[in-house]
Amino acid sequence: MMEETPSSHRVFRVLPGLIDMTLGGVGARYVYALFAEDTTAEYVEGSQGPEYGVVRIFSGDEEIRRLDWSGAAVKNAIAKKPDVFRVVIHRIQTDMRSGLGRIWTIDRIVEPTCGLALGFVRAEPSEKLELPPWVSREITHDEHDTSLGLLRRYRKLLQLVQSVSDD
């Protein structure tokens, strides 16, 4: 999900309850952080701890630098910034059968809890797709479907939810 979306991939909202019933809980945990200056950091949490990580520096919406770091270094950098916006994603892949002939990558936000899940499938923009029952609507052409755009959107959404719950 948080990878930049190549033109051969399409992005869809997914109904998290249905995808969980279909596929179960097998997958990997990804931790993403958005710093105030629009620098992102991410790492994969493996069974033995953080496995690998990357830091991306943006100017506006353009990635101007990418640094590949160890997962432990990225995890420590995130931990040192208590005010950083942090998201944990559970990522799974479908098999061909449950994806109706295609392999889908499903990202479900698990921390903070917000019920948001996205599905990514390799397909050309004009290609007609048969959609599994757990797919809601396509958001590929949303101008915010880059990793930075999604983190910005999650941060705004969660700030809104927190402000409503505080009232």
C-alpha atoms as a PDB file:
ATOM      1  CA  MET A   1       0.000   0.000   0.000  1.00  0.00           C
ATOM      2  CA  MET A   2       2.513   2.463   1.081  1.00  0.00           C
ATOM      3  CA  GLU A   3       4.687   1.918  -1.918  1.00  0.00           C
ATOM      4  CA  GLU A   4       4.260   4.328  -4.778  1.00  0.00           C
ATOM      5  CA  THR A   5       1.496   3.055  -7.018  1.00  0.00           C
ATOM      6  CA  PRO A   6       2.869   2.206 -10.490  1.00  0.00           C
ATOM      7  CA  SER A   7       0.564   2.857 -13.429  1.00  0.00           C
ATOM      8  CA  SER A   8       0.031  -0.906 -13.787  1.00  0.00           C
ATOM      9  CA  HIS A   9      -1.499  -1.129 -10.295  1.00  0.00           C
ATOM     10  CA  ARG A  10      -4.998  -0.154  -9.249  1.00  0.00           C
ATOM     11  CA  VAL A  11      -6.105   0.732  -5.725  1.00  0.00           C
ATOM     12  CA  PHE A  12      -9.459  -0.104  -4.106  1.00  0.00           C
ATOM     13  CA  ARG A  13     -11.140   0.377  -0.752  1.00  0.00           C
ATOM     14  CA  VAL A  14     -11.672  -3.004   0.879  1.00  0.00           C
ATOM     15  CA  LEU A  15     -14.264  -4.101   3.428  1.00  0.00           C
ATOM     16  CA  PRO A  16     -11.991  -5.244   6.294  1.00  0.00           C
ATOM     17  CA  GLY A  17     -14.447  -7.647   7.938  1.00  0.00           C
ATOM     18  CA  LEU A  18     -15.053  -9.554   4.710  1.00  0.00           C
ATOM     19  CA  ILE A  19     -11.381  -9.778   3.779  1.00  0.00           C
ATOM     20  CA  ASP A  20     -10.526 -11.048   7.285  1.00  0.00           C
ATOM     21  CA  MET A  21     -13.165 -13.776   7.026  1.00  0.00           C
ATOM     22  CA  THR A  22     -11.877 -14.723   3.576  1.00  0.00           C
ATOM     23  CA  LEU A  23      -8.152 -14.783   4.231  1.00  0.00           C
ATOM     24  CA  GLY A  24      -7.498 -15.022   7.950  1.00  0.00           C
ATOM     25  CA  GLY A  25      -4.667 -13.276   9.749  1.00  0.00           C
ATOM     26  CA  VAL A  26      -1.511 -14.463   7.965  1.00  0.00           C
ATOM     27  CA  GLY A  27       0.707 -11.621   6.843  1.00  0.00           C
ATOM     28  CA  ALA A  28       3.389  -9.126   7.786  1.00  0.00           C
ATOM     29  CA  ARG A  29       3.346  -6.006   9.969  1.00  0.00           C
ATOM     30  CA  TYR A  30       4.620  -2.765   8.468  1.00  0.00           C
ATOM     31  CA  VAL A  31       5.222   0.326  10.588  1.00  0.00           C
ATOM     32  CA  TYR A  32       5.095   3.721   8.876  1.00  0.00           C
ATOM     33  CA  ALA A  33       5.800   7.140  10.325  1.00  0.00           C
ATOM     34  CA  LEU A  34       5.168  10.627   8.976  1.00  0.00           C
ATOM     35  CA  PHE A  35       7.322  13.345  10.464  1.00  0.00           C
ATOM     36  CA  ALA A  36       6.201  16.997  10.498  1.00  0.00           C
ATOM     37  CA  GLU A  37       8.516  17.897   7.607  1.00  0.00           C
ATOM     38  CA  ASP A  38       6.954  15.224   5.331  1.00  0.00           C
ATOM     39  CA  THR A  39       9.783  12.770   5.755  1.00  0.00           C
ATOM     40  CA  THR A  40       8.528   9.200   6.014  1.00  0.00           C
ATOM     41  CA  ALA A  41      10.138   6.200   7.649  1.00  0.00           C
ATOM     42  CA  GLU A  42       9.007   2.602   7.452  1.00  0.00           C
ATOM     43  CA  TYR A  43      10.120  -0.840   8.512  1.00  0.00           C
ATOM     44  CA  VAL A  44       8.852  -4.411   8.418  1.00  0.00           C
ATOM     45  CA  GLU A  45       8.334  -6.071  11.792  1.00  0.00           C
ATOM     46  CA  GLY A  46       9.386  -9.698  11.472  1.00  0.00           C
ATOM     47  CA  SER A  47       9.237 -12.553  13.963  1.00  0.00           C
ATOM     48  CA  GLN A  48      12.797 -11.726  15.105  1.00  0.00           C
ATOM     49  CA  GLY A  49      12.228  -7.942  15.283  1.00  0.00           C
ATOM     50  CA  PRO A  50      12.607  -5.180  12.682  1.00  0.00           C
ATOM     51  CA  GLU A  51      13.862  -6.661   9.410  1.00  0.00           C
ATOM     52  CA  TYR A  52      14.573  -3.792   7.019  1.00  0.00           C
ATOM     53  CA  GLY A  53      13.713  -0.152   6.730  1.00  0.00           C
ATOM     54  CA  VAL A  54      13.708   2.889   4.493  1.00  0.00           C
ATOM     55  CA  VAL A  55      13.547   6.640   5.030  1.00  0.00           C
ATOM     56  CA  ARG A  56      12.096   8.836   2.266  1.00  0.00           C
ATOM     57  CA  ILE A  57      12.530  12.607   2.133  1.00  0.00           C
ATOM     58  CA  PHE A  58       9.982  14.634   0.180  1.00  0.00           C
ATOM     59  CA  SER A  59       9.804  18.126  -1.226  1.00  0.00           C
ATOM     60  CA  GLY A  60       6.094  18.718  -1.704  1.00  0.00           C
ATOM     61  CA  ASP A  61       4.848  15.468  -3.250  1.00  0.00           C
ATOM     62  CA  GLU A  62       8.158  14.576  -4.894  1.00  0.00           C
ATOM     63  CA  GLU A  63      10.526  12.086  -3.280  1.00  0.00           C
ATOM     64  CA  ILE A  64      13.942  13.724  -3.389  1.00  0.00           C
ATOM     65  CA  ARG A  65      15.942  11.172  -1.397  1.00  0.00           C
ATOM     66  CA  ARG A  66      15.612   7.558  -0.309  1.00  0.00           C
ATOM     67  CA  LEU A  67      17.819   6.024   2.369  1.00  0.00           C
ATOM     68  CA  ASP A  68      17.854   2.269   2.973  1.00  0.00           C
ATOM     69  CA  TRP A  69      18.521   1.604   6.663  1.00  0.00           C
ATOM     70  CA  SER A  70      18.328  -1.386   8.922  1.00  0.00           C
ATOM     71  CA  GLY A  71      14.913  -2.009  10.437  1.00  0.00           C
ATOM     72  CA  ALA A  72      16.315  -1.481  13.940  1.00  0.00           C
ATOM     73  CA  ALA A  73      17.746   1.946  13.001  1.00  0.00           C
ATOM     74  CA  VAL A  74      14.408   3.078  11.547  1.00  0.00           C
ATOM     75  CA  LYS A  75      12.486   1.742  14.558  1.00  0.00           C
ATOM     76  CA  ASN A  76      14.814   3.654  16.902  1.00  0.00           C
ATOM     77  CA  ALA A  77      14.493   6.866  14.849  1.00  0.00           C
ATOM     78  CA  ILE A  78      10.692   6.656  15.084  1.00  0.00           C
ATOM     79  CA  ALA A  79      10.806   5.887  18.817  1.00  0.00           C
ATOM     80  CA  LYS A  80      12.933   8.994  19.493  1.00  0.00           C
ATOM     81  CA  LYS A  81      10.183  11.253  18.085  1.00  0.00           C
ATOM     82  CA  PRO A  82       7.135  10.873  20.361  1.00  0.00           C
ATOM     83  CA  ASP A  83       5.106  13.384  18.326  1.00  0.00           C
ATOM     84  CA  VAL A  84       5.521  11.509  15.042  1.00  0.00           C
ATOM     85  CA  PHE A  85       2.362  10.238  13.317  1.00  0.00           C
ATOM     86  CA  ARG A  86       2.686   6.428  13.299  1.00  0.00           C
ATOM     87  CA  VAL A  87       0.606   3.805  11.494  1.00  0.00           C
ATOM     88  CA  VAL A  88       0.890   0.020  11.726  1.00  0.00           C
ATOM     89  CA  ILE A  89      -0.384  -1.936   8.742  1.00  0.00           C
ATOM     90  CA  HIS A  90      -1.110  -5.642   8.485  1.00  0.00           C
ATOM     91  CA  ARG A  91      -0.320  -6.717   4.902  1.00  0.00           C
ATOM     92  CA  ILE A  92      -1.576  -9.936   3.342  1.00  0.00           C
ATOM     93  CA  GLN A  93      -1.728 -11.314  -0.183  1.00  0.00           C
ATOM     94  CA  THR A  94      -4.601 -13.268  -1.636  1.00  0.00           C
ATOM     95  CA  ASP A  95      -4.261 -16.416  -3.637  1.00  0.00           C
ATOM     96  CA  MET A  96      -5.567 -16.618  -7.208  1.00  0.00           C
ATOM     97  CA  ARG A  97      -8.822 -18.273  -6.097  1.00  0.00           C
ATOM     98  CA  SER A  98      -9.946 -15.725  -3.510  1.00  0.00           C
ATOM     99  CA  GLY A  99      -8.706 -12.876  -5.744  1.00  0.00           C
ATOM    100  CA  LEU A 100     -10.825 -14.123  -8.686  1.00  0.00           C
ATOM    101  CA  GLY A 101      -7.827 -15.031 -10.830  1.00  0.00           C
ATOM    102  CA  ARG A 102      -5.502 -12.286  -9.559  1.00  0.00           C
ATOM    103  CA  ILE A 103      -3.178 -11.795  -6.618  1.00  0.00           C
ATOM    104  CA  TRP A 104      -4.236  -8.837  -4.457  1.00  0.00           C
ATOM    105  CA  THR A 105      -2.154  -7.129  -1.776  1.00  0.00           C
ATOM    106  CA  ILE A 106      -4.340  -6.008   1.111  1.00  0.00           C
ATOM    107  CA  ASP A 107      -3.197  -3.394   3.637  1.00  0.00           C
ATOM    108  CA  ARG A 108      -5.305  -3.016   6.783  1.00  0.00           C
ATOM    109  CA  ILE A 109      -4.478  -0.318   9.333  1.00  0.00           C
ATOM    110  CA  VAL A 110      -4.362  -1.935  12.762  1.00  0.00           C
ATOM    111  CA  GLU A 111      -2.823   0.906  14.797  1.00  0.00           C
ATOM    112  CA  PRO A 112      -4.472   3.290  15.315  1.00  0.00           C
ATOM    113  CA  THR A 113      -7.746   1.459  14.878  1.00  0.00           C
ATOM    114  CA  CYS A 114      -9.802   3.116  12.149  1.00  0.00           C
ATOM    115  CA  GLY A 115     -11.252   0.282  10.048  1.00  0.00           C
ATOM    116  CA  LEU A 116      -9.457   1.326   6.849  1.00  0.00           C
ATOM    117  CA  ALA A 117      -8.247  -1.319   4.403  1.00  0.00           C
ATOM    118  CA  LEU A 118      -6.951  -0.923   0.851  1.00  0.00           C
ATOM    119  CA  GLY A 119      -6.445  -3.490  -1.889  1.00  0.00           C
ATOM    120  CA  PHE A 120      -3.850  -3.288  -4.658  1.00  0.00           C
ATOM    121  CA  VAL A 121      -3.963  -5.344  -7.830  1.00  0.00           C
ATOM    122  CA  ARG A 122      -1.777  -5.359 -10.926  1.00  0.00           C
ATOM    123  CA  ALA A 123      -4.025  -4.219 -13.779  1.00  0.00           C
ATOM    124  CA  GLU A 124      -4.002  -1.595 -16.498  1.00  0.00           C
ATOM    125  CA  PRO A 125      -6.260   1.451 -15.957  1.00  0.00           C
ATOM    126  CA  SER A 126      -8.595   0.565 -18.840  1.00  0.00           C
ATOM    127  CA  GLU A 127      -8.776  -3.137 -18.008  1.00  0.00           C
ATOM    128  CA  LYS A 128     -12.179  -4.534 -16.931  1.00  0.00           C
ATOM    129  CA  LEU A 129     -11.824  -6.336 -13.603  1.00  0.00           C
ATOM    130  CA  GLU A 130     -14.032  -8.879 -11.929  1.00  0.00           C
ATOM    131  CA  LEU A 131     -13.981  -7.699  -8.311  1.00  0.00           C
ATOM    132  CA  PRO A 132     -14.083  -9.995  -5.272  1.00  0.00           C
ATOM    133  CA  PRO A 133     -17.008  -9.405  -2.861  1.00  0.00           C
ATOM    134  CA  TRP A 134     -14.726  -7.714  -0.315  1.00  0.00           C
ATOM    135  CA  VAL A 135     -13.804  -4.866  -2.693  1.00  0.00           C
ATOM    136  CA  SER A 136     -15.756  -1.638  -2.196  1.00  0.00           C
ATOM    137  CA  ARG A 137     -14.725   1.065  -4.685  1.00  0.00           C
ATOM    138  CA  GLU A 138     -11.754   2.076  -6.783  1.00  0.00           C
ATOM    139  CA  ILE A 139      -9.605   4.987  -5.610  1.00  0.00           C
ATOM    140  CA  THR A 140      -6.693   4.607  -8.051  1.00  0.00           C
ATOM    141  CA  HIS A 141      -7.162   8.052  -9.537  1.00  0.00           C
ATOM    142  CA  ASP A 142      -7.325   9.736  -6.161  1.00  0.00           C
ATOM    143  CA  GLU A 143      -4.501  12.268  -6.196  1.00  0.00           C
ATOM    144  CA  HIS A 144      -3.526  11.146  -2.700  1.00  0.00           C
ATOM    145  CA  ASP A 145      -2.741   7.475  -3.439  1.00  0.00           C
ATOM    146  CA  THR A 146       1.032   7.824  -3.025  1.00  0.00           C
ATOM    147  CA  SER A 147       2.602   6.682   0.232  1.00  0.00           C
ATOM    148  CA  LEU A 148       3.035  10.272   1.398  1.00  0.00           C
ATOM    149  CA  GLY A 149      -0.504  11.195   0.354  1.00  0.00           C
ATOM    150  CA  LEU A 150      -1.974   8.224   2.197  1.00  0.00           C
ATOM    151  CA  LEU A 151      -0.043   9.008   5.375  1.00  0.00           C
ATOM    152  CA  ARG A 152      -1.185  12.632   5.196  1.00  0.00           C
ATOM    153  CA  ARG A 153      -4.781  11.480   4.698  1.00  0.00           C
ATOM    154  CA  TYR A 154      -4.617   8.968   7.573  1.00  0.00           C
ATOM    155  CA  ARG A 155      -3.230  11.677   9.843  1.00  0.00           C
ATOM    156  CA  LYS A 156      -6.062  14.083   8.915  1.00  0.00           C
ATOM    157  CA  LEU A 157      -8.702  11.361   9.286  1.00  0.00           C
ATOM    158  CA  LEU A 158      -7.477  10.304  12.697  1.00  0.00           C
ATOM    159  CA  GLN A 159      -7.171  13.932  13.888  1.00  0.00           C
ATOM    160  CA  LEU A 160     -10.792  14.444  12.817  1.00  0.00           C
ATOM    161  CA  VAL A 161     -11.949  11.299  14.619  1.00  0.00           C
ATOM    162  CA  GLN A 162     -10.075  12.348  17.768  1.00  0.00           C
ATOM    163  CA  SER A 163     -11.553  15.869  17.674  1.00  0.00           C
ATOM    164  CA  VAL A 164     -15.103  14.490  17.321  1.00  0.00           C
ATOM    165  CA  SER A 165     -14.585  11.993  20.149  1.00  0.00           C
ATOM    166  CA  ASP A 166     -13.197  14.781  22.386  1.00  0.00           C
ATOM    167  CA  ASP A 167     -16.422  16.820  21.971  1.00  0.00           C
END
